[in-house]
N, C-alpha and C. Protein backbone atom coordinates (compact mmCIF):
# COMPACT_ATOMS: atom_id res chain seq x y z
N MET A 1 0.83 -1.20 -0.01
CA MET A 1 0.00 0.00 0.00
C MET A 1 0.87 1.24 -0.02
N THR A 2 0.36 2.32 -0.61
CA THR A 2 1.06 3.57 -0.70
C THR A 2 0.44 4.51 0.35
N ASP A 3 1.34 5.15 1.17
CA ASP A 3 0.91 6.14 2.15
C ASP A 3 0.98 7.52 1.50
N ILE A 4 -0.12 8.25 1.53
CA ILE A 4 -0.17 9.58 0.94
C ILE A 4 -0.65 10.56 2.00
N THR A 5 0.12 11.62 2.17
CA THR A 5 -0.30 12.73 3.05
C THR A 5 -0.77 13.89 2.17
N LEU A 6 -2.02 14.30 2.39
CA LEU A 6 -2.60 15.40 1.64
C LEU A 6 -2.70 16.61 2.51
N ALA A 7 -2.09 17.72 2.10
CA ALA A 7 -2.14 18.98 2.82
C ALA A 7 -3.17 19.89 2.16
N VAL A 8 -4.02 20.52 2.98
CA VAL A 8 -5.08 21.37 2.48
C VAL A 8 -4.79 22.76 3.07
N ILE A 9 -4.52 23.74 2.22
CA ILE A 9 -4.26 25.16 2.63
C ILE A 9 -5.51 25.95 2.29
N SER A 10 -6.06 26.61 3.30
CA SER A 10 -7.23 27.47 3.07
C SER A 10 -6.97 28.84 3.62
N ALA A 11 -7.17 29.87 2.77
CA ALA A 11 -7.02 31.26 3.23
C ALA A 11 -8.34 31.94 3.47
N GLY A 12 -9.41 31.17 3.59
CA GLY A 12 -10.68 31.78 3.90
C GLY A 12 -10.71 32.36 5.29
N VAL A 13 -11.40 33.47 5.45
CA VAL A 13 -11.41 34.16 6.75
C VAL A 13 -12.80 34.25 7.35
N SER A 14 -13.84 33.92 6.55
CA SER A 14 -15.21 33.97 7.13
C SER A 14 -15.57 32.65 7.79
N ASP A 15 -16.66 32.68 8.53
CA ASP A 15 -17.10 31.46 9.21
C ASP A 15 -18.61 31.38 9.08
N PRO A 16 -19.15 30.44 8.26
CA PRO A 16 -18.38 29.44 7.50
C PRO A 16 -17.70 30.09 6.27
N SER A 17 -16.70 29.40 5.77
CA SER A 17 -15.87 29.89 4.68
C SER A 17 -16.14 29.10 3.41
N SER A 18 -16.57 29.78 2.34
CA SER A 18 -16.73 29.12 1.03
C SER A 18 -15.38 28.61 0.52
N THR A 19 -14.35 29.32 0.80
CA THR A 19 -13.00 28.91 0.40
C THR A 19 -12.62 27.59 1.02
N ARG A 20 -12.89 27.45 2.33
CA ARG A 20 -12.62 26.19 3.02
C ARG A 20 -13.56 25.11 2.50
N LEU A 21 -14.81 25.46 2.22
CA LEU A 21 -15.75 24.48 1.74
C LEU A 21 -15.30 23.88 0.41
N LEU A 22 -14.79 24.71 -0.49
CA LEU A 22 -14.32 24.23 -1.80
C LEU A 22 -13.08 23.32 -1.60
N ALA A 23 -12.18 23.75 -0.69
CA ALA A 23 -11.01 22.91 -0.42
C ALA A 23 -11.41 21.58 0.20
N ASP A 24 -12.45 21.57 1.10
CA ASP A 24 -12.87 20.35 1.72
C ASP A 24 -13.53 19.42 0.71
N ARG A 25 -14.29 19.98 -0.22
CA ARG A 25 -14.93 19.13 -1.24
C ARG A 25 -13.85 18.49 -2.15
N ALA A 26 -12.87 19.26 -2.55
CA ALA A 26 -11.78 18.73 -3.35
C ALA A 26 -10.99 17.69 -2.58
N ALA A 27 -10.73 17.96 -1.30
CA ALA A 27 -9.98 17.02 -0.50
C ALA A 27 -10.71 15.68 -0.31
N GLN A 28 -12.02 15.77 -0.06
CA GLN A 28 -12.81 14.55 0.15
C GLN A 28 -12.79 13.70 -1.12
N LYS A 29 -12.94 14.36 -2.27
CA LYS A 29 -12.98 13.63 -3.53
C LYS A 29 -11.60 13.00 -3.80
N ALA A 30 -10.55 13.72 -3.50
CA ALA A 30 -9.18 13.20 -3.70
C ALA A 30 -8.93 12.03 -2.73
N VAL A 31 -9.36 12.13 -1.50
CA VAL A 31 -9.20 11.01 -0.53
C VAL A 31 -9.97 9.79 -1.03
N ASP A 32 -11.22 9.99 -1.50
CA ASP A 32 -12.01 8.85 -1.98
C ASP A 32 -11.33 8.19 -3.19
N THR A 33 -10.79 9.02 -4.08
CA THR A 33 -10.12 8.49 -5.32
C THR A 33 -8.86 7.72 -4.96
N LEU A 34 -8.06 8.29 -4.04
CA LEU A 34 -6.83 7.62 -3.62
C LEU A 34 -7.10 6.33 -2.91
N ARG A 35 -8.05 6.35 -2.02
CA ARG A 35 -8.40 5.11 -1.28
C ARG A 35 -8.93 4.04 -2.16
N ALA A 36 -9.70 4.43 -3.20
CA ALA A 36 -10.21 3.48 -4.17
C ALA A 36 -9.07 2.76 -4.90
N SER A 37 -7.93 3.45 -4.99
CA SER A 37 -6.76 2.87 -5.63
C SER A 37 -5.87 2.11 -4.65
N GLY A 38 -6.30 2.00 -3.42
CA GLY A 38 -5.58 1.18 -2.43
C GLY A 38 -4.65 2.00 -1.56
N ALA A 39 -4.58 3.31 -1.70
CA ALA A 39 -3.69 4.10 -0.90
C ALA A 39 -4.22 4.36 0.51
N VAL A 40 -3.30 4.54 1.45
CA VAL A 40 -3.65 4.93 2.82
C VAL A 40 -3.41 6.45 2.92
N VAL A 41 -4.48 7.19 3.19
CA VAL A 41 -4.43 8.62 3.05
C VAL A 41 -4.64 9.28 4.41
N SER A 42 -3.79 10.30 4.72
CA SER A 42 -4.02 11.15 5.89
C SER A 42 -4.09 12.59 5.36
N VAL A 43 -4.90 13.40 6.04
CA VAL A 43 -5.12 14.77 5.61
C VAL A 43 -4.66 15.77 6.71
N SER A 44 -3.95 16.76 6.33
CA SER A 44 -3.46 17.81 7.23
C SER A 44 -4.02 19.13 6.72
N VAL A 45 -4.87 19.78 7.52
CA VAL A 45 -5.52 21.03 7.13
C VAL A 45 -4.76 22.22 7.73
N ILE A 46 -4.40 23.17 6.87
CA ILE A 46 -3.72 24.39 7.34
C ILE A 46 -4.63 25.58 7.06
N ASP A 47 -5.31 26.01 8.11
CA ASP A 47 -6.15 27.24 8.04
C ASP A 47 -5.27 28.45 8.34
N LEU A 48 -5.24 29.36 7.40
CA LEU A 48 -4.31 30.50 7.57
C LEU A 48 -4.89 31.61 8.46
N ALA A 49 -6.23 31.73 8.53
CA ALA A 49 -6.84 32.82 9.26
C ALA A 49 -6.41 32.83 10.75
N PRO A 50 -6.39 31.67 11.43
CA PRO A 50 -6.01 31.72 12.85
C PRO A 50 -4.55 32.10 13.12
N ILE A 51 -3.68 31.97 12.08
CA ILE A 51 -2.27 32.35 12.27
C ILE A 51 -1.90 33.59 11.45
N ALA A 52 -2.92 34.38 11.09
CA ALA A 52 -2.64 35.57 10.27
C ALA A 52 -1.67 36.54 10.95
N VAL A 53 -1.83 36.75 12.24
CA VAL A 53 -0.91 37.66 12.93
C VAL A 53 0.50 37.08 12.95
N ASP A 54 0.64 35.77 13.18
CA ASP A 54 1.93 35.13 13.14
C ASP A 54 2.61 35.25 11.77
N ILE A 55 1.79 35.16 10.70
CA ILE A 55 2.35 35.26 9.35
C ILE A 55 2.91 36.67 9.21
N ALA A 56 2.16 37.69 9.64
CA ALA A 56 2.65 39.08 9.50
C ALA A 56 3.95 39.28 10.32
N ARG A 57 3.97 38.75 11.53
CA ARG A 57 5.18 38.88 12.36
C ARG A 57 6.37 38.17 11.70
N SER A 58 6.13 37.02 11.14
CA SER A 58 7.19 36.23 10.52
C SER A 58 7.74 36.99 9.30
N LEU A 59 6.88 37.63 8.55
CA LEU A 59 7.34 38.39 7.41
C LEU A 59 8.22 39.56 7.81
N VAL A 60 7.81 40.22 8.90
CA VAL A 60 8.58 41.42 9.36
C VAL A 60 9.90 41.00 9.94
N SER A 61 9.89 39.95 10.77
CA SER A 61 11.11 39.54 11.46
C SER A 61 12.03 38.67 10.60
N GLY A 62 11.47 38.01 9.64
CA GLY A 62 12.26 37.09 8.82
C GLY A 62 12.41 35.73 9.45
N LEU A 63 11.82 35.54 10.63
CA LEU A 63 11.90 34.29 11.36
C LEU A 63 10.50 33.76 11.64
N PRO A 64 10.18 32.59 11.15
CA PRO A 64 8.82 32.03 11.33
C PRO A 64 8.54 31.80 12.85
N THR A 65 7.33 32.20 13.25
CA THR A 65 6.91 31.89 14.61
C THR A 65 6.65 30.38 14.72
N PRO A 66 6.54 29.85 15.94
CA PRO A 66 6.27 28.41 16.05
C PRO A 66 4.98 27.97 15.30
N ALA A 67 3.96 28.79 15.33
CA ALA A 67 2.73 28.43 14.60
C ALA A 67 2.95 28.39 13.08
N VAL A 68 3.67 29.34 12.55
CA VAL A 68 3.97 29.37 11.14
C VAL A 68 4.90 28.22 10.76
N GLN A 69 5.92 28.01 11.61
CA GLN A 69 6.82 26.91 11.32
C GLN A 69 6.12 25.55 11.29
N SER A 70 5.16 25.37 12.19
CA SER A 70 4.40 24.14 12.21
C SER A 70 3.63 23.96 10.92
N ALA A 71 3.01 25.04 10.38
CA ALA A 71 2.31 24.99 9.13
C ALA A 71 3.25 24.65 7.97
N ILE A 72 4.46 25.27 7.98
CA ILE A 72 5.44 25.02 6.94
C ILE A 72 5.89 23.56 6.97
N ASP A 73 6.10 23.05 8.20
CA ASP A 73 6.56 21.68 8.36
C ASP A 73 5.53 20.70 7.81
N ARG A 74 4.26 20.95 8.10
CA ARG A 74 3.19 20.05 7.60
C ARG A 74 3.11 20.11 6.07
N LEU A 75 3.34 21.26 5.51
CA LEU A 75 3.32 21.42 4.05
C LEU A 75 4.53 20.68 3.44
N ALA A 76 5.66 20.78 4.10
CA ALA A 76 6.84 20.10 3.57
C ALA A 76 6.70 18.59 3.61
N ALA A 77 5.94 18.08 4.56
CA ALA A 77 5.78 16.63 4.70
C ALA A 77 4.70 16.05 3.77
N ALA A 78 3.96 16.92 3.12
CA ALA A 78 2.85 16.46 2.27
C ALA A 78 3.34 15.85 0.95
N ASP A 79 2.59 14.88 0.46
CA ASP A 79 2.85 14.30 -0.84
C ASP A 79 2.02 15.01 -1.90
N ALA A 80 0.96 15.62 -1.56
CA ALA A 80 0.07 16.31 -2.48
C ALA A 80 -0.64 17.45 -1.73
N ILE A 81 -1.06 18.49 -2.48
CA ILE A 81 -1.54 19.70 -1.84
C ILE A 81 -2.81 20.18 -2.54
N ILE A 82 -3.75 20.72 -1.75
CA ILE A 82 -4.87 21.49 -2.25
C ILE A 82 -4.77 22.87 -1.71
N ALA A 83 -4.65 23.88 -2.59
CA ALA A 83 -4.46 25.24 -2.16
C ALA A 83 -5.69 26.07 -2.61
N SER A 84 -6.36 26.68 -1.62
CA SER A 84 -7.61 27.38 -1.87
C SER A 84 -7.57 28.77 -1.27
N THR A 85 -7.91 29.76 -2.08
CA THR A 85 -7.84 31.16 -1.64
C THR A 85 -9.07 31.92 -2.09
N PRO A 86 -9.54 32.87 -1.34
CA PRO A 86 -10.56 33.80 -1.85
C PRO A 86 -9.94 34.78 -2.80
N VAL A 87 -10.79 35.37 -3.63
CA VAL A 87 -10.34 36.43 -4.57
C VAL A 87 -10.91 37.74 -4.08
N TYR A 88 -10.02 38.71 -3.88
CA TYR A 88 -10.43 40.08 -3.49
C TYR A 88 -9.90 41.08 -4.54
N LYS A 89 -10.77 41.89 -5.06
CA LYS A 89 -10.39 42.94 -6.00
C LYS A 89 -9.54 42.37 -7.15
N ALA A 90 -10.01 41.28 -7.74
CA ALA A 90 -9.40 40.67 -8.89
C ALA A 90 -8.00 40.11 -8.60
N ALA A 91 -7.75 39.75 -7.36
CA ALA A 91 -6.44 39.21 -6.97
C ALA A 91 -6.60 38.18 -5.89
N ILE A 92 -5.60 37.27 -5.80
CA ILE A 92 -5.63 36.28 -4.73
C ILE A 92 -5.46 36.99 -3.39
N SER A 93 -5.85 36.31 -2.36
CA SER A 93 -5.80 36.83 -0.99
C SER A 93 -4.39 37.28 -0.58
N GLY A 94 -4.30 38.45 0.04
CA GLY A 94 -3.00 38.88 0.56
C GLY A 94 -2.51 37.95 1.67
N LEU A 95 -3.40 37.37 2.42
CA LEU A 95 -3.03 36.43 3.47
C LEU A 95 -2.38 35.20 2.86
N PHE A 96 -2.98 34.69 1.79
CA PHE A 96 -2.45 33.50 1.11
C PHE A 96 -1.06 33.81 0.56
N LYS A 97 -0.91 34.97 -0.14
CA LYS A 97 0.38 35.31 -0.73
C LYS A 97 1.41 35.54 0.34
N SER A 98 1.05 36.14 1.46
CA SER A 98 1.99 36.36 2.54
C SER A 98 2.55 35.07 3.09
N PHE A 99 1.68 34.06 3.23
CA PHE A 99 2.13 32.77 3.71
C PHE A 99 3.09 32.14 2.70
N VAL A 100 2.75 32.20 1.42
CA VAL A 100 3.59 31.63 0.36
C VAL A 100 4.97 32.33 0.34
N ASP A 101 4.98 33.63 0.67
CA ASP A 101 6.25 34.37 0.67
C ASP A 101 7.18 33.85 1.74
N LEU A 102 6.69 33.15 2.70
CA LEU A 102 7.52 32.58 3.78
C LEU A 102 8.12 31.22 3.43
N LEU A 103 7.68 30.63 2.34
CA LEU A 103 8.16 29.30 1.94
C LEU A 103 9.44 29.39 1.17
N ASP A 104 10.34 28.44 1.37
CA ASP A 104 11.51 28.32 0.56
C ASP A 104 11.10 27.97 -0.87
N ASN A 105 11.84 28.41 -1.85
CA ASN A 105 11.50 28.09 -3.22
C ASN A 105 11.51 26.58 -3.51
N ASP A 106 12.23 25.82 -2.68
CA ASP A 106 12.34 24.37 -2.88
C ASP A 106 11.29 23.57 -2.15
N LEU A 107 10.53 24.17 -1.30
CA LEU A 107 9.65 23.44 -0.40
C LEU A 107 8.62 22.57 -1.14
N LEU A 108 8.11 23.05 -2.23
CA LEU A 108 7.04 22.36 -2.95
C LEU A 108 7.53 21.65 -4.21
N LEU A 109 8.82 21.51 -4.30
CA LEU A 109 9.42 20.97 -5.55
C LEU A 109 8.77 19.66 -5.96
N ALA A 110 8.13 19.66 -7.14
CA ALA A 110 7.51 18.48 -7.79
C ALA A 110 6.31 17.92 -7.04
N LYS A 111 5.75 18.69 -6.10
CA LYS A 111 4.57 18.21 -5.43
C LYS A 111 3.33 18.54 -6.26
N PRO A 112 2.44 17.57 -6.51
CA PRO A 112 1.16 17.85 -7.25
C PRO A 112 0.24 18.72 -6.39
N VAL A 113 -0.42 19.69 -7.10
CA VAL A 113 -1.27 20.68 -6.39
C VAL A 113 -2.57 20.88 -7.15
N ILE A 114 -3.68 20.88 -6.45
CA ILE A 114 -4.93 21.41 -7.01
C ILE A 114 -5.04 22.86 -6.63
N LEU A 115 -5.24 23.73 -7.63
CA LEU A 115 -5.41 25.14 -7.41
C LEU A 115 -6.87 25.51 -7.37
N ALA A 116 -7.30 26.23 -6.34
CA ALA A 116 -8.71 26.53 -6.17
C ALA A 116 -8.90 27.93 -5.62
N ALA A 117 -10.04 28.55 -6.01
CA ALA A 117 -10.32 29.89 -5.50
C ALA A 117 -11.85 30.09 -5.49
N THR A 118 -12.29 31.04 -4.67
CA THR A 118 -13.69 31.42 -4.64
C THR A 118 -13.80 32.92 -4.75
N GLY A 119 -14.91 33.40 -5.28
CA GLY A 119 -15.11 34.81 -5.42
C GLY A 119 -16.60 35.17 -5.49
N GLY A 120 -16.85 36.46 -5.45
CA GLY A 120 -18.24 36.89 -5.48
C GLY A 120 -18.86 37.01 -6.85
N THR A 121 -18.05 36.81 -7.90
CA THR A 121 -18.53 36.94 -9.25
C THR A 121 -17.75 36.03 -10.19
N ALA A 122 -18.40 35.58 -11.24
CA ALA A 122 -17.74 34.73 -12.23
C ALA A 122 -16.64 35.50 -12.99
N ARG A 123 -16.63 36.80 -12.92
CA ARG A 123 -15.63 37.59 -13.64
C ARG A 123 -14.23 37.32 -13.12
N HIS A 124 -14.10 36.76 -11.91
CA HIS A 124 -12.80 36.51 -11.31
C HIS A 124 -12.30 35.10 -11.60
N ALA A 125 -12.99 34.33 -12.40
CA ALA A 125 -12.67 32.93 -12.60
C ALA A 125 -11.24 32.69 -13.09
N MET A 126 -10.73 33.62 -13.90
CA MET A 126 -9.40 33.43 -14.51
C MET A 126 -8.26 33.74 -13.51
N VAL A 127 -8.61 34.26 -12.33
CA VAL A 127 -7.54 34.56 -11.37
C VAL A 127 -6.75 33.32 -10.98
N VAL A 128 -7.40 32.15 -10.97
CA VAL A 128 -6.72 30.90 -10.60
C VAL A 128 -5.57 30.64 -11.58
N ASP A 129 -5.86 30.70 -12.87
CA ASP A 129 -4.86 30.39 -13.85
C ASP A 129 -3.90 31.58 -14.15
N ASP A 130 -4.41 32.79 -13.93
CA ASP A 130 -3.57 33.97 -14.17
C ASP A 130 -2.58 34.23 -13.05
N GLN A 131 -2.98 33.89 -11.80
CA GLN A 131 -2.13 34.26 -10.67
C GLN A 131 -1.65 33.02 -9.87
N LEU A 132 -2.52 32.09 -9.55
CA LEU A 132 -2.07 30.98 -8.77
C LEU A 132 -1.14 30.00 -9.58
N ARG A 133 -1.48 29.77 -10.84
CA ARG A 133 -0.68 28.83 -11.61
C ARG A 133 0.76 29.32 -11.82
N PRO A 134 0.99 30.59 -12.19
CA PRO A 134 2.36 31.05 -12.27
C PRO A 134 3.10 31.05 -10.96
N LEU A 135 2.38 31.33 -9.87
CA LEU A 135 2.98 31.32 -8.54
C LEU A 135 3.51 29.93 -8.18
N PHE A 136 2.69 28.87 -8.39
CA PHE A 136 3.13 27.55 -8.06
C PHE A 136 4.13 26.99 -9.09
N ALA A 137 4.08 27.50 -10.33
CA ALA A 137 5.11 27.15 -11.28
C ALA A 137 6.47 27.69 -10.81
N PHE A 138 6.47 28.92 -10.30
CA PHE A 138 7.71 29.50 -9.79
C PHE A 138 8.27 28.64 -8.66
N LEU A 139 7.39 28.10 -7.82
CA LEU A 139 7.80 27.23 -6.71
C LEU A 139 8.15 25.81 -7.16
N ARG A 140 8.03 25.56 -8.47
CA ARG A 140 8.39 24.29 -9.09
C ARG A 140 7.53 23.15 -8.62
N ALA A 141 6.32 23.48 -8.19
CA ALA A 141 5.32 22.47 -7.93
C ALA A 141 4.71 22.01 -9.27
N ILE A 142 3.79 21.02 -9.20
CA ILE A 142 3.16 20.56 -10.41
C ILE A 142 1.64 20.76 -10.26
N PRO A 143 1.11 21.88 -10.66
CA PRO A 143 -0.35 22.08 -10.60
C PRO A 143 -1.04 21.13 -11.60
N VAL A 144 -2.16 20.54 -11.16
CA VAL A 144 -2.88 19.66 -12.09
C VAL A 144 -3.56 20.53 -13.16
N PRO A 145 -3.86 19.92 -14.32
CA PRO A 145 -4.43 20.72 -15.41
C PRO A 145 -5.76 21.40 -15.08
N THR A 146 -6.60 20.74 -14.29
CA THR A 146 -7.94 21.29 -14.00
C THR A 146 -7.89 22.16 -12.74
N SER A 147 -8.18 23.43 -12.93
CA SER A 147 -8.27 24.33 -11.78
C SER A 147 -9.71 24.48 -11.31
N LEU A 148 -9.91 24.96 -10.11
CA LEU A 148 -11.27 25.04 -9.55
C LEU A 148 -11.56 26.53 -9.16
N TYR A 149 -12.75 26.97 -9.52
CA TYR A 149 -13.22 28.29 -9.11
C TYR A 149 -14.76 28.18 -8.82
N ALA A 150 -15.17 28.80 -7.76
CA ALA A 150 -16.60 28.78 -7.42
C ALA A 150 -17.08 30.19 -7.08
N ALA A 151 -17.99 30.68 -7.87
CA ALA A 151 -18.77 31.90 -7.57
C ALA A 151 -20.09 31.45 -6.87
N PRO A 152 -20.87 32.36 -6.34
CA PRO A 152 -22.07 31.95 -5.62
C PRO A 152 -22.99 31.06 -6.45
N GLU A 153 -23.13 31.35 -7.72
CA GLU A 153 -24.10 30.57 -8.56
C GLU A 153 -23.57 29.18 -8.89
N ASP A 154 -22.26 28.89 -8.60
CA ASP A 154 -21.70 27.62 -8.98
C ASP A 154 -21.98 26.49 -8.00
N TRP A 155 -22.34 26.84 -6.77
CA TRP A 155 -22.46 25.81 -5.73
C TRP A 155 -23.53 24.81 -6.00
N GLY A 156 -24.57 25.19 -6.69
CA GLY A 156 -25.61 24.25 -7.01
C GLY A 156 -25.51 23.63 -8.39
N SER A 157 -24.39 23.89 -9.07
CA SER A 157 -24.21 23.44 -10.41
C SER A 157 -23.47 22.06 -10.44
N PRO A 158 -23.98 21.10 -11.20
CA PRO A 158 -23.26 19.80 -11.31
C PRO A 158 -21.92 19.96 -12.00
N GLU A 159 -21.72 21.07 -12.74
CA GLU A 159 -20.44 21.25 -13.41
C GLU A 159 -19.30 21.43 -12.44
N LEU A 160 -19.56 22.09 -11.28
CA LEU A 160 -18.52 22.24 -10.27
C LEU A 160 -18.10 20.86 -9.75
N GLY A 161 -19.08 19.99 -9.47
CA GLY A 161 -18.78 18.65 -9.01
C GLY A 161 -17.94 17.86 -10.01
N LYS A 162 -18.23 18.06 -11.27
CA LYS A 162 -17.49 17.35 -12.34
C LYS A 162 -16.05 17.82 -12.36
N ARG A 163 -15.86 19.16 -12.20
CA ARG A 163 -14.47 19.70 -12.23
C ARG A 163 -13.72 19.22 -11.01
N ILE A 164 -14.37 19.18 -9.86
CA ILE A 164 -13.72 18.66 -8.65
C ILE A 164 -13.29 17.23 -8.83
N ALA A 165 -14.15 16.44 -9.38
CA ALA A 165 -13.83 15.01 -9.60
C ALA A 165 -12.65 14.86 -10.57
N ARG A 166 -12.63 15.68 -11.62
CA ARG A 166 -11.55 15.63 -12.60
C ARG A 166 -10.23 16.04 -11.97
N ALA A 167 -10.26 17.17 -11.21
CA ALA A 167 -9.02 17.60 -10.55
C ALA A 167 -8.53 16.60 -9.54
N ALA A 168 -9.43 15.98 -8.79
CA ALA A 168 -9.06 14.97 -7.82
C ALA A 168 -8.43 13.74 -8.49
N ALA A 169 -8.96 13.36 -9.61
CA ALA A 169 -8.39 12.24 -10.36
C ALA A 169 -6.99 12.55 -10.88
N GLU A 170 -6.78 13.74 -11.37
CA GLU A 170 -5.47 14.16 -11.81
C GLU A 170 -4.47 14.18 -10.69
N LEU A 171 -4.87 14.72 -9.54
CA LEU A 171 -3.99 14.77 -8.40
C LEU A 171 -3.63 13.36 -7.95
N SER A 172 -4.62 12.48 -7.90
CA SER A 172 -4.38 11.10 -7.48
C SER A 172 -3.40 10.37 -8.36
N MET A 173 -3.55 10.53 -9.65
CA MET A 173 -2.68 9.88 -10.61
C MET A 173 -1.23 10.32 -10.46
N LEU A 174 -1.04 11.62 -10.24
CA LEU A 174 0.30 12.14 -10.02
C LEU A 174 0.90 11.64 -8.71
N ALA A 175 0.08 11.65 -7.65
CA ALA A 175 0.57 11.27 -6.34
C ALA A 175 0.93 9.80 -6.28
N LEU A 176 0.20 8.97 -7.02
CA LEU A 176 0.44 7.52 -6.99
C LEU A 176 1.49 7.05 -7.98
N SER A 177 1.79 7.89 -8.97
CA SER A 177 2.68 7.44 -10.04
C SER A 177 4.14 7.26 -9.62
N GLY A 178 4.53 8.01 -8.60
CA GLY A 178 5.95 8.00 -8.21
C GLY A 178 6.82 8.91 -9.06
N VAL A 179 6.25 9.45 -10.13
CA VAL A 179 7.05 10.29 -11.04
C VAL A 179 7.44 11.58 -10.37
N THR A 180 6.64 12.11 -9.46
CA THR A 180 6.98 13.39 -8.84
C THR A 180 8.25 13.27 -7.96
N ASN A 181 8.35 12.15 -7.21
CA ASN A 181 9.58 11.94 -6.43
C ASN A 181 10.78 11.77 -7.35
N GLN A 182 10.56 11.10 -8.49
CA GLN A 182 11.68 10.92 -9.42
C GLN A 182 12.15 12.24 -10.01
N ILE A 183 11.17 13.12 -10.28
CA ILE A 183 11.49 14.46 -10.78
C ILE A 183 12.31 15.24 -9.75
N ALA A 184 11.90 15.17 -8.50
CA ALA A 184 12.64 15.87 -7.43
C ALA A 184 14.01 15.33 -7.28
N ASP A 185 14.14 14.01 -7.30
CA ASP A 185 15.48 13.35 -7.16
C ASP A 185 16.40 13.69 -8.28
N ASP A 186 15.88 13.65 -9.52
CA ASP A 186 16.70 13.89 -10.68
C ASP A 186 17.15 15.33 -10.85
N ASN A 187 16.36 16.26 -10.34
CA ASN A 187 16.61 17.67 -10.57
C ASN A 187 17.10 18.47 -9.42
N TRP A 188 17.13 17.87 -8.22
CA TRP A 188 17.52 18.66 -7.02
C TRP A 188 18.86 19.33 -7.17
N SER A 189 19.86 18.65 -7.64
CA SER A 189 21.18 19.24 -7.72
C SER A 189 21.30 20.27 -8.79
N GLY A 190 20.28 20.41 -9.68
CA GLY A 190 20.34 21.40 -10.72
C GLY A 190 19.79 22.78 -10.32
N TYR A 191 19.31 22.89 -9.08
CA TYR A 191 18.69 24.13 -8.64
C TYR A 191 19.62 24.81 -7.59
N GLN A 192 19.47 26.12 -7.51
CA GLN A 192 20.15 26.85 -6.43
C GLN A 192 19.22 26.87 -5.19
N HIS A 193 19.80 26.47 -4.05
CA HIS A 193 18.97 26.26 -2.86
C HIS A 193 19.31 27.24 -1.75
N GLN A 194 18.35 27.48 -0.90
CA GLN A 194 18.54 28.36 0.27
C GLN A 194 19.19 27.54 1.36
N PHE A 195 20.36 27.99 1.86
CA PHE A 195 21.06 27.28 2.91
C PHE A 195 20.23 27.27 4.17
N ALA A 196 20.20 26.11 4.83
CA ALA A 196 19.45 25.97 6.11
C ALA A 196 18.01 26.34 5.95
N GLY A 197 17.43 26.11 4.76
CA GLY A 197 16.05 26.47 4.52
C GLY A 197 15.09 25.45 5.11
N ASN A 198 13.79 25.66 4.87
CA ASN A 198 12.78 24.78 5.46
C ASN A 198 12.34 23.72 4.48
N ALA A 199 12.93 23.64 3.27
CA ALA A 199 12.68 22.51 2.39
C ALA A 199 13.30 21.24 3.00
N THR A 200 12.61 20.13 2.89
CA THR A 200 13.07 18.90 3.52
C THR A 200 14.47 18.53 3.17
N ARG A 201 14.86 18.71 1.92
CA ARG A 201 16.19 18.28 1.48
C ARG A 201 17.26 19.36 1.82
N ALA A 202 16.87 20.49 2.33
CA ALA A 202 17.83 21.58 2.57
C ALA A 202 18.05 21.80 4.05
N GLU A 203 17.80 20.81 4.85
CA GLU A 203 17.90 20.95 6.29
C GLU A 203 19.36 20.89 6.75
N ARG A 204 20.05 22.00 6.57
CA ARG A 204 21.44 22.09 6.98
C ARG A 204 21.57 23.31 7.87
N SER A 205 22.49 23.26 8.81
CA SER A 205 22.67 24.36 9.75
C SER A 205 24.11 24.82 9.76
N VAL A 206 24.42 25.75 10.61
CA VAL A 206 25.80 26.27 10.70
C VAL A 206 26.76 25.13 11.03
N GLY A 207 26.28 24.06 11.70
CA GLY A 207 27.12 22.96 12.05
C GLY A 207 27.63 22.19 10.81
N ASP A 208 27.00 22.39 9.70
CA ASP A 208 27.47 21.72 8.47
C ASP A 208 28.52 22.49 7.70
N VAL A 209 28.87 23.73 8.15
CA VAL A 209 29.82 24.56 7.44
C VAL A 209 31.24 24.15 7.86
N ASP A 210 32.08 23.95 6.90
CA ASP A 210 33.49 23.61 7.16
C ASP A 210 34.29 24.93 7.26
N PHE A 211 34.65 25.24 8.52
CA PHE A 211 35.36 26.52 8.79
C PHE A 211 36.85 26.37 8.64
N ASP A 212 37.33 25.18 8.22
CA ASP A 212 38.76 24.92 8.16
C ASP A 212 39.32 25.24 6.74
N THR A 213 38.45 25.58 5.80
CA THR A 213 38.97 25.93 4.49
C THR A 213 39.63 27.30 4.53
N ASP A 214 40.53 27.52 3.57
CA ASP A 214 41.20 28.85 3.52
C ASP A 214 40.22 30.00 3.40
N LEU A 215 39.22 29.78 2.57
CA LEU A 215 38.23 30.85 2.34
C LEU A 215 37.42 31.13 3.60
N MET A 216 37.03 30.10 4.36
CA MET A 216 36.28 30.35 5.56
C MET A 216 37.12 30.95 6.66
N ARG A 217 38.41 30.58 6.75
CA ARG A 217 39.25 31.22 7.74
C ARG A 217 39.45 32.69 7.43
N LEU A 218 39.57 33.01 6.14
CA LEU A 218 39.68 34.39 5.74
C LEU A 218 38.42 35.19 6.07
N ALA A 219 37.26 34.55 5.87
CA ALA A 219 35.98 35.22 6.10
C ALA A 219 35.77 35.46 7.58
N THR A 220 36.26 34.55 8.43
CA THR A 220 36.04 34.67 9.85
C THR A 220 37.17 35.42 10.55
N GLY A 221 38.13 35.95 9.76
CA GLY A 221 39.23 36.75 10.34
C GLY A 221 40.36 35.90 10.88
N GLY A 222 40.36 34.59 10.52
CA GLY A 222 41.42 33.69 11.02
C GLY A 222 42.68 33.76 10.15
C-alpha cells in the first residue's frame, strides 16, 4: 500500500468559509479516489486565518513563529496539496500570498497541487490560472491541469462537482505514479537552494559549514 499525506491550505477568513468548503470538497474527492486505488491517506488542514498575525510577524522579522513553522513543516511533509484562496479585487488573498512568501523556493518541488479559488462573481474565474498557476510554477510544484473556481451561482451546479472530480483524479494519478519523487530526485542538484532552509532536502545548519577551508578562515578573520 502507498501512504499519501494530503495537505489542504485554506486562506478563507469567514465562518463558514466558502474557500474552506471548496477545499474540503476537493480534499474529500481526492481522498475517496486515492483510497479506491488502495492508498492509505491522511489529511493535514492548514487554516491561515487563525495564524494571520503570526504570518505578519514572521514576514517582518524574517523568522517564522512556532505556529507558522508548524504549518510550513506540515506542508513540507505532504505528498500532495490542495491550495484554496478567496479572490479580493481581482487578485488572490493577501493572506495567502504572505504565507507563500515565507516558503523556501524548494519546499514544494515536484509536489502535485490542486489550485482553487472562490469569489463573489464569475468575472474573477481566471484569477486561478492567471495568478495561482504562475505562482506555483515558480515554486516548481506541479499544478494539475484542472483548476477550480466557485462563484455563488456555482455551488448548485453539477459542473462544479465534475471539475472537482476531474481535478481529484489528476492529483491522485500524479501522487500515486511516483514520477513526482523521481523528478525531485533527478533535478534537485540542478537548482540553487537556500542554505538551512525549510525545504526537507535543505535541512542544513551552521554545524554543516566547514570553517577549516582557507576561504572560511579568511571570512572569519582567522
